[in-house]
C-alpha atoms as a PDB file:
ATOM      1  CA  MET A   1      -5.413  53.744 -41.707  1.00  0.00           C
ATOM      2  CA  LYS A   2      -2.931  55.949 -39.689  1.00  0.00           C
ATOM      3  CA  SER A   3      -2.897  59.599 -40.640  1.00  0.00           C
ATOM      4  CA  PRO A   4       0.337  60.859 -42.243  1.00  0.00           C
ATOM      5  CA  LEU A   5       0.039  63.942 -39.962  1.00  0.00           C
ATOM      6  CA  LEU A   6      -0.102  61.749 -36.788  1.00  0.00           C
ATOM      7  CA  LEU A   7       2.900  59.704 -37.904  1.00  0.00           C
ATOM      8  CA  ALA A   8       4.892  62.861 -38.675  1.00  0.00           C
ATOM      9  CA  ALA A   9       4.057  64.395 -35.349  1.00  0.00           C
ATOM     10  CA  LEU A  10       5.265  61.109 -33.682  1.00  0.00           C
ATOM     11  CA  ALA A  11       8.321  61.337 -35.517  1.00  0.00           C
ATOM     12  CA  VAL A  12       9.194  64.922 -34.563  1.00  0.00           C
ATOM     13  CA  LEU A  13       8.392  64.087 -30.865  1.00  0.00           C
ATOM     14  CA  LEU A  14      10.692  61.165 -30.859  1.00  0.00           C
ATOM     15  CA  SER A  15      13.457  62.977 -32.483  1.00  0.00           C
ATOM     16  CA  ALA A  16      12.861  65.956 -30.282  1.00  0.00           C
ATOM     17  CA  ALA A  17      13.277  63.869 -27.278  1.00  0.00           C
ATOM     18  CA  GLY A  18      16.904  63.079 -28.101  1.00  0.00           C
ATOM     19  CA  SER A  19      16.648  59.472 -26.816  1.00  0.00           C
ATOM     20  CA  PRO A  20      15.760  56.317 -28.647  1.00  0.00           C
ATOM     21  CA  PRO A  21      12.113  55.017 -28.127  1.00  0.00           C
ATOM     22  CA  PRO A  22      11.418  52.889 -25.167  1.00  0.00           C
ATOM     23  CA  ALA A  23      11.194  49.062 -25.731  1.00  0.00           C
ATOM     24  CA  VAL A  24       7.595  48.080 -26.447  1.00  0.00           C
ATOM     25  CA  SER A  25       6.091  44.981 -27.666  1.00  0.00           C
ATOM     26  CA  VAL A  26       4.333  44.853 -31.026  1.00  0.00           C
ATOM     27  CA  LEU A  27       2.024  42.013 -32.062  1.00  0.00           C
ATOM     28  CA  VAL A  28       2.743  40.651 -35.461  1.00  0.00           C
ATOM     29  CA  LYS A  29      -0.674  38.928 -35.694  1.00  0.00           C
ATOM     30  CA  SER A  30      -3.847  39.599 -33.854  1.00  0.00           C
ATOM     31  CA  ASP A  31      -6.719  36.993 -33.254  1.00  0.00           C
ATOM     32  CA  VAL A  32     -10.154  37.304 -31.705  1.00  0.00           C
ATOM     33  CA  TRP A  33     -10.842  34.558 -29.242  1.00  0.00           C
ATOM     34  CA  ASP A  34     -14.511  34.355 -28.151  1.00  0.00           C
ATOM     35  CA  TYR A  35     -15.883  31.514 -26.014  1.00  0.00           C
ATOM     36  CA  ASP A  36     -17.178  29.566 -28.975  1.00  0.00           C
ATOM     37  CA  ARG A  37     -13.838  29.562 -30.734  1.00  0.00           C
ATOM     38  CA  LEU A  38     -11.955  28.564 -27.558  1.00  0.00           C
ATOM     39  CA  LYS A  39     -14.322  25.697 -26.965  1.00  0.00           C
ATOM     40  CA  ALA A  40     -14.223  24.571 -30.617  1.00  0.00           C
ATOM     41  CA  GLU A  41     -10.494  24.518 -30.943  1.00  0.00           C
ATOM     42  CA  ALA A  42      -9.685  22.858 -27.527  1.00  0.00           C
ATOM     43  CA  ASP A  43      -8.949  19.320 -27.271  1.00  0.00           C
ATOM     44  CA  LEU A  44      -9.683  19.486 -23.412  1.00  0.00           C
ATOM     45  CA  VAL A  45     -11.552  22.040 -21.336  1.00  0.00           C
ATOM     46  CA  VAL A  46     -11.042  21.792 -17.650  1.00  0.00           C
ATOM     47  CA  VAL A  47     -11.299  23.460 -14.373  1.00  0.00           C
ATOM     48  CA  ALA A  48      -7.951  22.675 -12.566  1.00  0.00           C
ATOM     49  CA  THR A  49      -5.887  23.783  -9.578  1.00  0.00           C
ATOM     50  CA  PRO A  50      -2.099  24.009  -9.878  1.00  0.00           C
ATOM     51  CA  LEU A  51      -0.043  21.689  -7.673  1.00  0.00           C
ATOM     52  CA  SER A  52       3.395  22.686  -8.561  1.00  0.00           C
ATOM     53  CA  THR A  53       5.561  24.595 -11.158  1.00  0.00           C
ATOM     54  CA  LYS A  54       8.973  24.215 -12.368  1.00  0.00           C
ATOM     55  CA  GLU A  55      11.277  26.170 -14.749  1.00  0.00           C
ATOM     56  CA  LEU A  56      12.706  24.196 -17.633  1.00  0.00           C
ATOM     57  CA  GLU A  57      16.039  24.398 -19.363  1.00  0.00           C
ATOM     58  CA  GLU A  58      14.166  25.594 -22.409  1.00  0.00           C
ATOM     59  CA  HIS A  59      15.296  29.020 -23.925  1.00  0.00           C
ATOM     60  CA  THR A  60      13.170  30.149 -26.815  1.00  0.00           C
ATOM     61  CA  VAL A  61      11.266  33.271 -28.065  1.00  0.00           C
ATOM     62  CA  LEU A  62       7.576  34.297 -27.727  1.00  0.00           C
ATOM     63  CA  PRO A  63       6.057  33.384 -31.126  1.00  0.00           C
ATOM     64  CA  GLY A  64       4.387  36.046 -33.157  1.00  0.00           C
ATOM     65  CA  ILE A  65       5.510  39.062 -31.219  1.00  0.00           C
ATOM     66  CA  GLN A  66       8.502  41.346 -31.297  1.00  0.00           C
ATOM     67  CA  GLN A  67       9.777  44.333 -29.233  1.00  0.00           C
ATOM     68  CA  LEU A  68      11.501  47.437 -30.280  1.00  0.00           C
ATOM     69  CA  GLY A  69      15.106  47.721 -29.127  1.00  0.00           C
ATOM     70  CA  PRO A  70      16.811  50.949 -28.040  1.00  0.00           C
ATOM     71  CA  ASP A  71      17.848  51.477 -31.735  1.00  0.00           C
ATOM     72  CA  GLY A  72      14.140  51.132 -32.849  1.00  0.00           C
ATOM     73  CA  LYS A  73      14.787  47.779 -34.617  1.00  0.00           C
ATOM     74  CA  ALA A  74      12.415  44.922 -34.036  1.00  0.00           C
ATOM     75  CA  LEU A  75      13.782  42.112 -31.746  1.00  0.00           C
ATOM     76  CA  PRO A  76      12.376  38.716 -30.577  1.00  0.00           C
ATOM     77  CA  VAL A  77      10.985  38.479 -27.169  1.00  0.00           C
ATOM     78  CA  ALA A  78      13.259  35.999 -25.254  1.00  0.00           C
ATOM     79  CA  ALA A  79      11.327  33.520 -23.200  1.00  0.00           C
ATOM     80  CA  ILE A  80      11.983  30.620 -20.854  1.00  0.00           C
ATOM     81  CA  GLY A  81       9.777  27.392 -20.631  1.00  0.00           C
ATOM     82  CA  LEU A  82       7.859  26.264 -17.634  1.00  0.00           C
ATOM     83  CA  GLU A  83       5.664  23.539 -16.595  1.00  0.00           C
ATOM     84  CA  ALA A  84       2.852  23.370 -14.094  1.00  0.00           C
ATOM     85  CA  ASN A  85       1.257  20.227 -12.680  1.00  0.00           C
ATOM     86  CA  PHE A  86      -2.455  20.645 -12.200  1.00  0.00           C
ATOM     87  CA  GLU A  87      -5.041  18.610 -10.395  1.00  0.00           C
ATOM     88  CA  ILE A  88      -8.234  18.383 -12.548  1.00  0.00           C
ATOM     89  CA  ASN A  89     -11.418  19.364 -10.685  1.00  0.00           C
ATOM     90  CA  VAL A  90     -13.774  18.699 -13.614  1.00  0.00           C
ATOM     91  CA  ILE A  91     -13.475  18.001 -17.364  1.00  0.00           C
ATOM     92  CA  LEU A  92     -15.946  20.131 -19.470  1.00  0.00           C
ATOM     93  CA  LYS A  93     -14.841  19.016 -22.794  1.00  0.00           C
ATOM     94  CA  GLY A  94     -12.823  16.140 -24.047  1.00  0.00           C
ATOM     95  CA  ALA A  95     -11.369  13.166 -22.246  1.00  0.00           C
ATOM     96  CA  TRP A  96      -8.248  12.593 -20.178  1.00  0.00           C
ATOM     97  CA  PRO A  97      -7.661   9.263 -18.197  1.00  0.00           C
ATOM     98  CA  LEU A  98      -5.793  10.870 -15.333  1.00  0.00           C
ATOM     99  CA  ASN A  99      -6.870  13.325 -12.694  1.00  0.00           C
ATOM    100  CA  ARG A 100      -3.648  15.435 -13.277  1.00  0.00           C
ATOM    101  CA  LEU A 101      -2.283  17.243 -16.372  1.00  0.00           C
ATOM    102  CA  ILE A 102       0.970  19.061 -17.126  1.00  0.00           C
ATOM    103  CA  LEU A 103       0.699  22.575 -18.630  1.00  0.00           C
ATOM    104  CA  HIS A 104       3.627  23.773 -20.738  1.00  0.00           C
ATOM    105  CA  TYR A 105       3.902  27.690 -20.849  1.00  0.00           C
ATOM    106  CA  LEU A 106       6.386  30.430 -21.278  1.00  0.00           C
ATOM    107  CA  ARG A 107       7.515  33.529 -19.333  1.00  0.00           C
ATOM    108  CA  GLU A 108       9.623  36.374 -20.619  1.00  0.00           C
ATOM    109  CA  ALA A 109      13.395  35.882 -19.877  1.00  0.00           C
ATOM    110  CA  ARG A 110      13.670  39.571 -19.106  1.00  0.00           C
ATOM    111  CA  PRO A 111      10.281  40.812 -17.928  1.00  0.00           C
ATOM    112  CA  PRO A 112       9.708  44.537 -18.704  1.00  0.00           C
ATOM    113  CA  ALA A 113       9.588  47.052 -15.901  1.00  0.00           C
ATOM    114  CA  GLN A 114       6.035  47.857 -16.875  1.00  0.00           C
ATOM    115  CA  PRO A 115       3.386  46.082 -19.073  1.00  0.00           C
ATOM    116  CA  ALA A 116       3.714  47.039 -22.788  1.00  0.00           C
ATOM    117  CA  VAL A 117       0.773  48.067 -24.713  1.00  0.00           C
ATOM    118  CA  GLY A 118      -0.041  45.168 -27.101  1.00  0.00           C
ATOM    119  CA  GLY A 119       2.371  42.934 -25.149  1.00  0.00           C
ATOM    120  CA  PRO A 120       1.948  39.303 -24.508  1.00  0.00           C
ATOM    121  CA  LEU A 121      -0.823  37.917 -22.113  1.00  0.00           C
ATOM    122  CA  LEU A 122       1.248  35.447 -20.169  1.00  0.00           C
ATOM    123  CA  VAL A 123       0.187  33.372 -17.232  1.00  0.00           C
ATOM    124  CA  SER A 124       1.820  32.500 -14.005  1.00  0.00           C
ATOM    125  CA  PHE A 125       0.739  30.211 -11.051  1.00  0.00           C
ATOM    126  CA  ASP A 126       1.194  30.189  -7.293  1.00  0.00           C
ATOM    127  CA  PRO A 127       0.245  26.630  -6.138  1.00  0.00           C
ATOM    128  CA  LYS A 128       0.197  27.877  -2.439  1.00  0.00           C
ATOM    129  CA  LYS A 129      -2.966  30.074  -3.209  1.00  0.00           C
ATOM    130  CA  LYS A 130      -5.072  27.072  -4.497  1.00  0.00           C
ATOM    131  CA  ILE A 131      -6.588  29.117  -7.277  1.00  0.00           C
ATOM    132  CA  ARG A 132      -8.825  27.171  -9.760  1.00  0.00           C
ATOM    133  CA  TYR A 133      -8.523  27.905 -13.477  1.00  0.00           C
ATOM    134  CA  LEU A 134     -10.822  27.445 -16.408  1.00  0.00           C
ATOM    135  CA  MET A 135      -8.500  26.281 -19.085  1.00  0.00           C
ATOM    136  CA  PHE A 136      -8.938  25.707 -22.711  1.00  0.00           C
ATOM    137  CA  LEU A 137      -6.033  23.334 -23.812  1.00  0.00           C
ATOM    138  CA  LYS A 138      -4.452  21.536 -26.657  1.00  0.00           C
ATOM    139  CA  LEU A 139      -2.300  18.366 -26.266  1.00  0.00           C
ATOM    140  CA  ASP A 140       1.311  18.441 -27.604  1.00  0.00           C
ATOM    141  CA  LYS A 141       3.348  15.575 -28.896  1.00  0.00           C
ATOM    142  CA  GLU A 142       5.050  15.152 -25.537  1.00  0.00           C
ATOM    143  CA  GLY A 143       1.816  14.597 -23.623  1.00  0.00           C
ATOM    144  CA  ARG A 144       1.814  18.052 -22.251  1.00  0.00           C
ATOM    145  CA  PHE A 145      -0.972  20.584 -22.646  1.00  0.00           C
ATOM    146  CA  TYR A 146      -0.738  24.150 -23.729  1.00  0.00           C
ATOM    147  CA  SER A 147      -3.144  27.074 -24.097  1.00  0.00           C
ATOM    148  CA  VAL A 148      -5.318  26.819 -27.242  1.00  0.00           C
ATOM    149  CA  THR A 149      -4.560  30.460 -27.929  1.00  0.00           C
ATOM    150  CA  GLY A 150      -0.705  29.681 -28.062  1.00  0.00           C
ATOM    151  CA  GLN A 151       2.283  30.508 -26.048  1.00  0.00           C
ATOM    152  CA  THR A 152       2.195  34.332 -26.524  1.00  0.00           C
ATOM    153  CA  ASP A 153      -1.349  34.847 -25.294  1.00  0.00           C
ATOM    154  CA  PRO A 154      -2.294  32.021 -22.938  1.00  0.00           C
ATOM    155  CA  GLY A 155      -4.170  34.374 -20.701  1.00  0.00           C
ATOM    156  CA  LEU A 156      -6.997  34.490 -23.248  1.00  0.00           C
ATOM    157  CA  ALA A 157      -7.668  30.731 -22.669  1.00  0.00           C
ATOM    158  CA  ILE A 158      -6.616  30.277 -19.016  1.00  0.00           C
ATOM    159  CA  LYS A 159      -8.951  32.224 -16.678  1.00  0.00           C
ATOM    160  CA  GLU A 160      -8.700  32.458 -12.915  1.00  0.00           C
ATOM    161  CA  LEU A 161     -11.881  31.362 -11.104  1.00  0.00           C
ATOM    162  CA  GLY A 162     -10.928  31.915  -7.536  1.00  0.00           C
ATOM    163  CA  ALA A 163      -9.683  29.869  -4.562  1.00  0.00           C
ATOM    164  CA  SER A 164     -10.598  26.285  -4.250  1.00  0.00           C
ATOM    165  CA  PRO A 165     -13.194  25.618  -1.542  1.00  0.00           C
END
């Protein structure tokens, strides 16, 4: 529980500064994702290498997270959809008939100047670097995969392993 004295001190500091608080991300929900849970909830666990990425016309918000605006009010975090085409190096759990998969993920529409405490754990891929990733994935209705941890914190379920040999 937060101390009333600490909250009062914070309020005094913010009002004394004469300016609104900076925009920060605030998680609405918090989950713990250990290896056992990642594996249990995933439809597919693979080691894969990105081949290409593309930005979609999808404009949405990051689910389960908000940011504080200049007026101190909570606002949704605007996001843009992306797809990455991956070559599957090995399947560790599940079955997929192809040697490639499409990952659907999001990026912030207006990335912050600096990372926010408690902000989203998003992912990005540079196919030119030939980095391999350990990925815990779920299959959506459109035949694309997404992180088992959801669109706000995919970095919890998509781990960089290093460059392909």
